[in-house]
Structure formats: structure tokens, C-alpha cells
């Protein structure tokens, strides 16, 4: 199955996609700042598990139906956009009442729990139609038609999973080590404000995007 697999082009493309700043990066960095490395890891895990959903949908051809129906695509797109705007508004509300970001305390657990970090990660990925479009356009170039498209898609999603987890954990570690600096209320306010504006911006951009 893998003898004709073009490893280098695929790995390079996935690596560039993974390291490009976006919603995933923002969520991992914000949740790490709020609750430490563990919450950053759970956010990343949720995001990366969503890749398998997109790979499965692409391989089974469901994305052809989704992309072929203007109504379905618009509904899915607006749902994802609304969720990003919701996360952005939550960040802006936090910026309005800035407090220092202390780690591993009861107040942090109340603000962002382990479950909410994981849920935010997986929903922000699964509800975003752009990965479906990317996987549908990109993965077929590397699939051997003589073998199972689903198995190959899931294998490539596994590679994407590993690359993304390593990159996002590197970002989480950097943010975690900066926790003393992030404990300053002014810094927290700037970070929440920036995060909120970016998430709302991504949501609006997604809502206005065309197929």
C-alpha cells in the first residue's frame, strides 16, 4: 500500500499547514496560559483527534455531498463560525476583568477545566469545514487506488496527528515556561484581548468565506 506513497511532499505540506498560525495555535496557547501545560495538551489532543474525523469523512466521500450542497455547507460553516465567535467573546469578557494567570489553582480550574479544554479543541476543529476541503483536495493525491482509501486516509491523518501534537506541545511548553510573566494582570489583559479579537475575526472570516 505504501510503496508509491510520496512521503516527502506530504510531510512537508502537512508540516507547513500545522505550523501556520490559526485557531488551533490560539486555543492551545490561551488554554496553556490559563491552566498550564496539561490544559494545553488536552486542547491539542482534541484538535488533533478531529483530524481523524475529517480524514474519515473525506475517504467515505461524505465531503463530496457536503461540498456539493450549498445549504449543508453554509449551515456547517455558520455553526463553526458561531462557535469561534463564542470563544472570542469569552476571551474578551476575561480581558474586561483582567487578573493574573496563576497556574494550577482553584480559580484557574474554574475558568478553564480539563474537559472544556478538550471540548474546545475538538469542536473548533470538527466544526471547521476548511479541513474537510483541504483533506478532500489534498489526500487523494497520495492515495493508491488499488488499496483502501479509508485505511490510507487514516494513516495519513495519524502522521498529521503526530506532527501537530509535537508542534503544539512545543508551543504549550514555551507558554508554560513564561508563566511568571503571564501572571501579570496587564499581560493577561493584552493576551485575552488579542485572543478574543483573533477568534472573532476567524469566525467572521469563516462565515463570509465561499466554498
C-alpha atoms as a PDB file:
ATOM      1  CA  UNK A   1       0.000   0.000   0.000  1.00  0.00           C
ATOM      2  CA  UNK A   2       2.808   2.425   0.830  1.00  0.00           C
ATOM      3  CA  UNK A   3       5.374   1.599  -1.829  1.00  0.00           C
ATOM      4  CA  UNK A   4       4.250   4.512  -4.024  1.00  0.00           C
ATOM      5  CA  UNK A   5       3.498   6.860  -1.147  1.00  0.00           C
ATOM      6  CA  UNK A   6       5.153  10.224  -1.711  1.00  0.00           C
ATOM      7  CA  UNK A   7       6.468  10.754   1.796  1.00  0.00           C
ATOM      8  CA  UNK A   8       8.441  13.970   1.465  1.00  0.00           C
ATOM      9  CA  UNK A   9       5.847  16.171  -0.312  1.00  0.00           C
ATOM     10  CA  UNK A  10       3.114  15.025   2.061  1.00  0.00           C
ATOM     11  CA  UNK A  11       5.166  15.553   5.211  1.00  0.00           C
ATOM     12  CA  UNK A  12       6.367  18.968   4.063  1.00  0.00           C
ATOM     13  CA  UNK A  13       2.861  20.129   3.185  1.00  0.00           C
ATOM     14  CA  UNK A  14       1.381  18.870   6.454  1.00  0.00           C
ATOM     15  CA  UNK A  15       4.204  20.456   8.457  1.00  0.00           C
ATOM     16  CA  UNK A  16       3.687  23.855   6.814  1.00  0.00           C
ATOM     17  CA  UNK A  17      -0.067  23.608   7.360  1.00  0.00           C
ATOM     18  CA  UNK A  18       0.429  22.658  11.021  1.00  0.00           C
ATOM     19  CA  UNK A  19       2.828  25.499  11.808  1.00  0.00           C
ATOM     20  CA  UNK A  20       0.734  28.156  10.073  1.00  0.00           C
ATOM     21  CA  UNK A  21      -0.872  30.395  12.738  1.00  0.00           C
ATOM     22  CA  UNK A  22      -4.576  29.834  13.151  1.00  0.00           C
ATOM     23  CA  UNK A  23      -7.380  28.925  15.539  1.00  0.00           C
ATOM     24  CA  UNK A  24      -5.555  25.792  16.740  1.00  0.00           C
ATOM     25  CA  UNK A  25      -2.492  27.783  17.757  1.00  0.00           C
ATOM     26  CA  UNK A  26      -4.567  30.398  19.565  1.00  0.00           C
ATOM     27  CA  UNK A  27      -6.569  27.853  21.570  1.00  0.00           C
ATOM     28  CA  UNK A  28      -3.533  25.852  22.665  1.00  0.00           C
ATOM     29  CA  UNK A  29      -1.613  28.953  23.731  1.00  0.00           C
ATOM     30  CA  UNK A  30      -4.558  30.531  25.559  1.00  0.00           C
ATOM     31  CA  UNK A  31      -5.548  27.411  27.494  1.00  0.00           C
ATOM     32  CA  UNK A  32      -1.933  26.743  28.404  1.00  0.00           C
ATOM     33  CA  UNK A  33      -1.656  30.293  29.730  1.00  0.00           C
ATOM     34  CA  UNK A  34      -4.839  29.818  31.768  1.00  0.00           C
ATOM     35  CA  UNK A  35      -4.150  26.402  33.247  1.00  0.00           C
ATOM     36  CA  UNK A  36      -0.665  25.215  32.431  1.00  0.00           C
ATOM     37  CA  UNK A  37       0.830  22.565  30.190  1.00  0.00           C
ATOM     38  CA  UNK A  38      -1.839  19.957  30.980  1.00  0.00           C
ATOM     39  CA  UNK A  39      -4.702  22.058  29.613  1.00  0.00           C
ATOM     40  CA  UNK A  40      -2.622  22.930  26.562  1.00  0.00           C
ATOM     41  CA  UNK A  41      -2.055  19.224  25.966  1.00  0.00           C
ATOM     42  CA  UNK A  42      -5.785  18.435  26.245  1.00  0.00           C
ATOM     43  CA  UNK A  43      -6.666  21.262  23.856  1.00  0.00           C
ATOM     44  CA  UNK A  44      -4.119  19.947  21.368  1.00  0.00           C
ATOM     45  CA  UNK A  45      -5.364  16.379  21.801  1.00  0.00           C
ATOM     46  CA  UNK A  46      -8.922  17.456  20.994  1.00  0.00           C
ATOM     47  CA  UNK A  47      -7.777  19.424  17.960  1.00  0.00           C
ATOM     48  CA  UNK A  48      -5.675  16.589  16.601  1.00  0.00           C
ATOM     49  CA  UNK A  49      -8.314  13.901  17.175  1.00  0.00           C
ATOM     50  CA  UNK A  50     -10.602  15.980  14.979  1.00  0.00           C
ATOM     51  CA  UNK A  51      -8.240  15.239  12.085  1.00  0.00           C
ATOM     52  CA  UNK A  52      -9.397  11.612  12.055  1.00  0.00           C
ATOM     53  CA  UNK A  53     -12.996  12.755  11.633  1.00  0.00           C
ATOM     54  CA  UNK A  54     -12.040  14.845   8.606  1.00  0.00           C
ATOM     55  CA  UNK A  55      -9.961  12.017   7.123  1.00  0.00           C
ATOM     56  CA  UNK A  56     -12.850   9.557   7.555  1.00  0.00           C
ATOM     57  CA  UNK A  57     -15.405  11.943   6.067  1.00  0.00           C
ATOM     58  CA  UNK A  58     -13.110  12.611   3.113  1.00  0.00           C
ATOM     59  CA  UNK A  59     -12.373   8.925   2.470  1.00  0.00           C
ATOM     60  CA  UNK A  60     -16.041   7.916   2.663  1.00  0.00           C
ATOM     61  CA  UNK A  61     -16.990  10.613   0.207  1.00  0.00           C
ATOM     62  CA  UNK A  62     -19.329  12.424   2.573  1.00  0.00           C
ATOM     63  CA  UNK A  63     -17.452  15.643   1.974  1.00  0.00           C
ATOM     64  CA  UNK A  64     -18.475  15.420  -1.697  1.00  0.00           C
ATOM     65  CA  UNK A  65     -22.081  15.600  -0.547  1.00  0.00           C
ATOM     66  CA  UNK A  66     -21.306  18.395   1.900  1.00  0.00           C
ATOM     67  CA  UNK A  67     -19.384  20.449  -0.628  1.00  0.00           C
ATOM     68  CA  UNK A  68     -21.982  19.753  -3.299  1.00  0.00           C
ATOM     69  CA  UNK A  69     -24.847  21.097  -1.223  1.00  0.00           C
ATOM     70  CA  UNK A  70     -24.798  24.860  -0.741  1.00  0.00           C
ATOM     71  CA  UNK A  71     -27.317  24.630   2.092  1.00  0.00           C
ATOM     72  CA  UNK A  72     -25.442  21.965   4.050  1.00  0.00           C
ATOM     73  CA  UNK A  73     -22.110  23.667   3.597  1.00  0.00           C
ATOM     74  CA  UNK A  74     -23.479  27.058   4.682  1.00  0.00           C
ATOM     75  CA  UNK A  75     -25.151  25.604   7.777  1.00  0.00           C
ATOM     76  CA  UNK A  76     -21.980  23.757   8.789  1.00  0.00           C
ATOM     77  CA  UNK A  77     -19.846  26.811   8.104  1.00  0.00           C
ATOM     78  CA  UNK A  78     -22.051  29.139  10.152  1.00  0.00           C
ATOM     79  CA  UNK A  79     -22.144  26.694  13.054  1.00  0.00           C
ATOM     80  CA  UNK A  80     -18.346  26.613  13.145  1.00  0.00           C
ATOM     81  CA  UNK A  81     -18.126  30.387  12.777  1.00  0.00           C
ATOM     82  CA  UNK A  82     -20.589  30.920  15.632  1.00  0.00           C
ATOM     83  CA  UNK A  83     -18.520  28.688  17.907  1.00  0.00           C
ATOM     84  CA  UNK A  84     -15.320  30.619  17.140  1.00  0.00           C
ATOM     85  CA  UNK A  85     -17.076  33.927  17.808  1.00  0.00           C
ATOM     86  CA  UNK A  86     -18.392  32.500  21.098  1.00  0.00           C
ATOM     87  CA  UNK A  87     -14.862  31.577  22.187  1.00  0.00           C
ATOM     88  CA  UNK A  88     -13.663  35.030  21.161  1.00  0.00           C
ATOM     89  CA  UNK A  89     -16.358  36.778  23.165  1.00  0.00           C
ATOM     90  CA  UNK A  90     -15.467  34.686  26.208  1.00  0.00           C
ATOM     91  CA  UNK A  91     -11.848  35.823  25.883  1.00  0.00           C
ATOM     92  CA  UNK A  92     -12.896  39.476  25.528  1.00  0.00           C
ATOM     93  CA  UNK A  93     -15.039  39.175  28.658  1.00  0.00           C
ATOM     94  CA  UNK A  94     -11.984  37.910  30.527  1.00  0.00           C
ATOM     95  CA  UNK A  95      -9.987  40.871  29.210  1.00  0.00           C
ATOM     96  CA  UNK A  96     -12.573  43.255  30.630  1.00  0.00           C
ATOM     97  CA  UNK A  97     -11.800  41.958  34.141  1.00  0.00           C
ATOM     98  CA  UNK A  98      -8.086  41.151  33.973  1.00  0.00           C
ATOM     99  CA  UNK A  99      -6.448  39.006  36.623  1.00  0.00           C
ATOM    100  CA  UNK A 100      -3.010  37.433  36.699  1.00  0.00           C
ATOM    101  CA  UNK A 101      -2.777  33.980  35.171  1.00  0.00           C
ATOM    102  CA  UNK A 102      -1.677  31.832  38.102  1.00  0.00           C
ATOM    103  CA  UNK A 103      -1.258  28.146  37.381  1.00  0.00           C
ATOM    104  CA  UNK A 104      -2.737  25.058  38.992  1.00  0.00           C
ATOM    105  CA  UNK A 105      -5.061  26.937  41.332  1.00  0.00           C
ATOM    106  CA  UNK A 106      -8.758  26.532  42.004  1.00  0.00           C
ATOM    107  CA  UNK A 107      -9.557  29.763  40.156  1.00  0.00           C
ATOM    108  CA  UNK A 108      -7.826  28.543  37.004  1.00  0.00           C
ATOM    109  CA  UNK A 109      -9.617  25.192  37.105  1.00  0.00           C
ATOM    110  CA  UNK A 110     -12.895  27.105  37.411  1.00  0.00           C
ATOM    111  CA  UNK A 111     -12.067  29.293  34.409  1.00  0.00           C
ATOM    112  CA  UNK A 112     -10.949  26.509  32.071  1.00  0.00           C
ATOM    113  CA  UNK A 113     -11.352  22.868  33.066  1.00  0.00           C
ATOM    114  CA  UNK A 114      -9.684  19.829  31.548  1.00  0.00           C
ATOM    115  CA  UNK A 115     -12.929  18.806  29.863  1.00  0.00           C
ATOM    116  CA  UNK A 116     -13.650  22.275  28.469  1.00  0.00           C
ATOM    117  CA  UNK A 117     -10.115  22.479  27.046  1.00  0.00           C
ATOM    118  CA  UNK A 118     -10.531  19.144  25.268  1.00  0.00           C
ATOM    119  CA  UNK A 119     -14.045  20.039  24.098  1.00  0.00           C
ATOM    120  CA  UNK A 120     -12.949  23.405  22.743  1.00  0.00           C
ATOM    121  CA  UNK A 121     -10.140  21.737  20.817  1.00  0.00           C
ATOM    122  CA  UNK A 122     -12.202  19.027  19.172  1.00  0.00           C
ATOM    123  CA  UNK A 123     -15.210  21.246  18.401  1.00  0.00           C
ATOM    124  CA  UNK A 124     -13.118  24.044  16.907  1.00  0.00           C
ATOM    125  CA  UNK A 125     -11.581  21.508  14.534  1.00  0.00           C
ATOM    126  CA  UNK A 126     -14.588  19.328  13.693  1.00  0.00           C
ATOM    127  CA  UNK A 127     -16.912  22.308  13.161  1.00  0.00           C
ATOM    128  CA  UNK A 128     -14.471  23.965  10.790  1.00  0.00           C
ATOM    129  CA  UNK A 129     -15.278  22.992   7.163  1.00  0.00           C
ATOM    130  CA  UNK A 130     -11.895  24.165   5.904  1.00  0.00           C
ATOM    131  CA  UNK A 131     -10.062  20.966   6.981  1.00  0.00           C
ATOM    132  CA  UNK A 132     -12.712  18.971   5.091  1.00  0.00           C
ATOM    133  CA  UNK A 133     -11.969  20.963   1.962  1.00  0.00           C
ATOM    134  CA  UNK A 134      -8.231  20.569   2.488  1.00  0.00           C
ATOM    135  CA  UNK A 135      -8.384  16.829   3.103  1.00  0.00           C
ATOM    136  CA  UNK A 136     -10.739  16.297   0.177  1.00  0.00           C
ATOM    137  CA  UNK A 137      -8.430  18.181  -2.198  1.00  0.00           C
ATOM    138  CA  UNK A 138      -5.109  17.073  -0.733  1.00  0.00           C
ATOM    139  CA  UNK A 139      -5.268  13.452   0.428  1.00  0.00           C
ATOM    140  CA  UNK A 140      -6.393  11.887  -2.892  1.00  0.00           C
ATOM    141  CA  UNK A 141      -3.063  12.934  -4.434  1.00  0.00           C
ATOM    142  CA  UNK A 142      -1.311  10.465  -2.134  1.00  0.00           C
ATOM    143  CA  UNK A 143      -3.795   7.576  -2.136  1.00  0.00           C
ATOM    144  CA  UNK A 144      -3.099   4.364  -4.036  1.00  0.00           C
ATOM    145  CA  UNK A 145      -6.438   3.443  -5.688  1.00  0.00           C
ATOM    146  CA  UNK A 146      -5.602  -0.268  -5.515  1.00  0.00           C
ATOM    147  CA  UNK A 147      -5.895  -0.196  -1.718  1.00  0.00           C
ATOM    148  CA  UNK A 148      -8.404   1.005   0.861  1.00  0.00           C
ATOM    149  CA  UNK A 149      -8.852   4.776   0.716  1.00  0.00           C
ATOM    150  CA  UNK A 150     -10.121   4.803   4.307  1.00  0.00           C
ATOM    151  CA  UNK A 151      -7.094   2.965   5.705  1.00  0.00           C
ATOM    152  CA  UNK A 152      -4.668   5.197   3.803  1.00  0.00           C
ATOM    153  CA  UNK A 153      -6.530   8.375   4.817  1.00  0.00           C
ATOM    154  CA  UNK A 154      -6.472   7.376   8.475  1.00  0.00           C
ATOM    155  CA  UNK A 155      -2.782   6.531   8.218  1.00  0.00           C
ATOM    156  CA  UNK A 156      -2.022   9.969   6.782  1.00  0.00           C
ATOM    157  CA  UNK A 157      -4.199  11.556   9.466  1.00  0.00           C
ATOM    158  CA  UNK A 158      -2.077   9.670  12.030  1.00  0.00           C
ATOM    159  CA  UNK A 159       1.068  11.272  10.620  1.00  0.00           C
ATOM    160  CA  UNK A 160      -0.640  14.663  10.704  1.00  0.00           C
ATOM    161  CA  UNK A 161      -1.716  13.932  14.299  1.00  0.00           C
ATOM    162  CA  UNK A 162       1.853  13.250  15.420  1.00  0.00           C
ATOM    163  CA  UNK A 163       3.323  16.303  13.687  1.00  0.00           C
ATOM    164  CA  UNK A 164       0.607  18.597  15.049  1.00  0.00           C
ATOM    165  CA  UNK A 165       0.899  17.251  18.595  1.00  0.00           C
ATOM    166  CA  UNK A 166       4.672  17.764  18.630  1.00  0.00           C
ATOM    167  CA  UNK A 167       4.378  21.337  17.311  1.00  0.00           C
ATOM    168  CA  UNK A 168       1.536  22.342  19.606  1.00  0.00           C
ATOM    169  CA  UNK A 169       3.218  20.790  22.644  1.00  0.00           C
ATOM    170  CA  UNK A 170       6.318  22.825  21.841  1.00  0.00           C
ATOM    171  CA  UNK A 171       4.171  25.973  21.853  1.00  0.00           C
ATOM    172  CA  UNK A 172       2.483  24.901  25.103  1.00  0.00           C
ATOM    173  CA  UNK A 173       5.842  24.307  26.756  1.00  0.00           C
ATOM    174  CA  UNK A 174       7.065  27.769  25.748  1.00  0.00           C
ATOM    175  CA  UNK A 175       3.928  29.401  27.138  1.00  0.00           C
ATOM    176  CA  UNK A 176       4.109  27.332  30.319  1.00  0.00           C
ATOM    177  CA  UNK A 177       7.686  28.430  30.953  1.00  0.00           C
ATOM    178  CA  UNK A 178       6.606  32.043  30.610  1.00  0.00           C
ATOM    179  CA  UNK A 179       4.012  31.660  33.403  1.00  0.00           C
ATOM    180  CA  UNK A 180       5.722  34.179  35.709  1.00  0.00           C
ATOM    181  CA  UNK A 181       5.488  36.870  33.058  1.00  0.00           C
ATOM    182  CA  UNK A 182       1.926  35.839  32.193  1.00  0.00           C
ATOM    183  CA  UNK A 183       0.922  36.190  35.854  1.00  0.00           C
ATOM    184  CA  UNK A 184       0.839  39.974  35.432  1.00  0.00           C
ATOM    185  CA  UNK A 185      -2.749  41.267  35.046  1.00  0.00           C
ATOM    186  CA  UNK A 186      -1.786  43.689  32.268  1.00  0.00           C
ATOM    187  CA  UNK A 187      -0.163  40.909  30.259  1.00  0.00           C
ATOM    188  CA  UNK A 188      -3.208  38.703  30.800  1.00  0.00           C
ATOM    189  CA  UNK A 189      -5.475  41.517  29.617  1.00  0.00           C
ATOM    190  CA  UNK A 190      -3.467  42.051  26.428  1.00  0.00           C
ATOM    191  CA  UNK A 191      -3.368  38.316  25.719  1.00  0.00           C
ATOM    192  CA  UNK A 192      -7.111  37.857  26.303  1.00  0.00           C
ATOM    193  CA  UNK A 193      -7.892  40.913  24.162  1.00  0.00           C
ATOM    194  CA  UNK A 194      -5.683  39.730  21.306  1.00  0.00           C
ATOM    195  CA  UNK A 195      -7.052  36.191  21.535  1.00  0.00           C
ATOM    196  CA  UNK A 196     -10.630  37.439  21.569  1.00  0.00           C
ATOM    197  CA  UNK A 197     -10.166  39.718  18.564  1.00  0.00           C
ATOM    198  CA  UNK A 198      -8.407  36.984  16.571  1.00  0.00           C
ATOM    199  CA  UNK A 199     -11.030  34.324  17.348  1.00  0.00           C
ATOM    200  CA  UNK A 200     -13.901  36.659  16.474  1.00  0.00           C
ATOM    201  CA  UNK A 201     -12.008  37.621  13.313  1.00  0.00           C
ATOM    202  CA  UNK A 202     -11.517  33.986  12.332  1.00  0.00           C
ATOM    203  CA  UNK A 203     -15.202  33.337  12.976  1.00  0.00           C
ATOM    204  CA  UNK A 204     -16.332  36.258  10.810  1.00  0.00           C
ATOM    205  CA  UNK A 205     -13.885  35.294   8.069  1.00  0.00           C
ATOM    206  CA  UNK A 206     -15.187  31.720   8.109  1.00  0.00           C
ATOM    207  CA  UNK A 207     -18.799  32.901   7.982  1.00  0.00           C
ATOM    208  CA  UNK A 208     -18.064  35.075   4.936  1.00  0.00           C
ATOM    209  CA  UNK A 209     -15.897  32.535   3.133  1.00  0.00           C
ATOM    210  CA  UNK A 210     -17.029  30.865  -0.079  1.00  0.00           C
ATOM    211  CA  UNK A 211     -16.717  27.201  -0.905  1.00  0.00           C
END
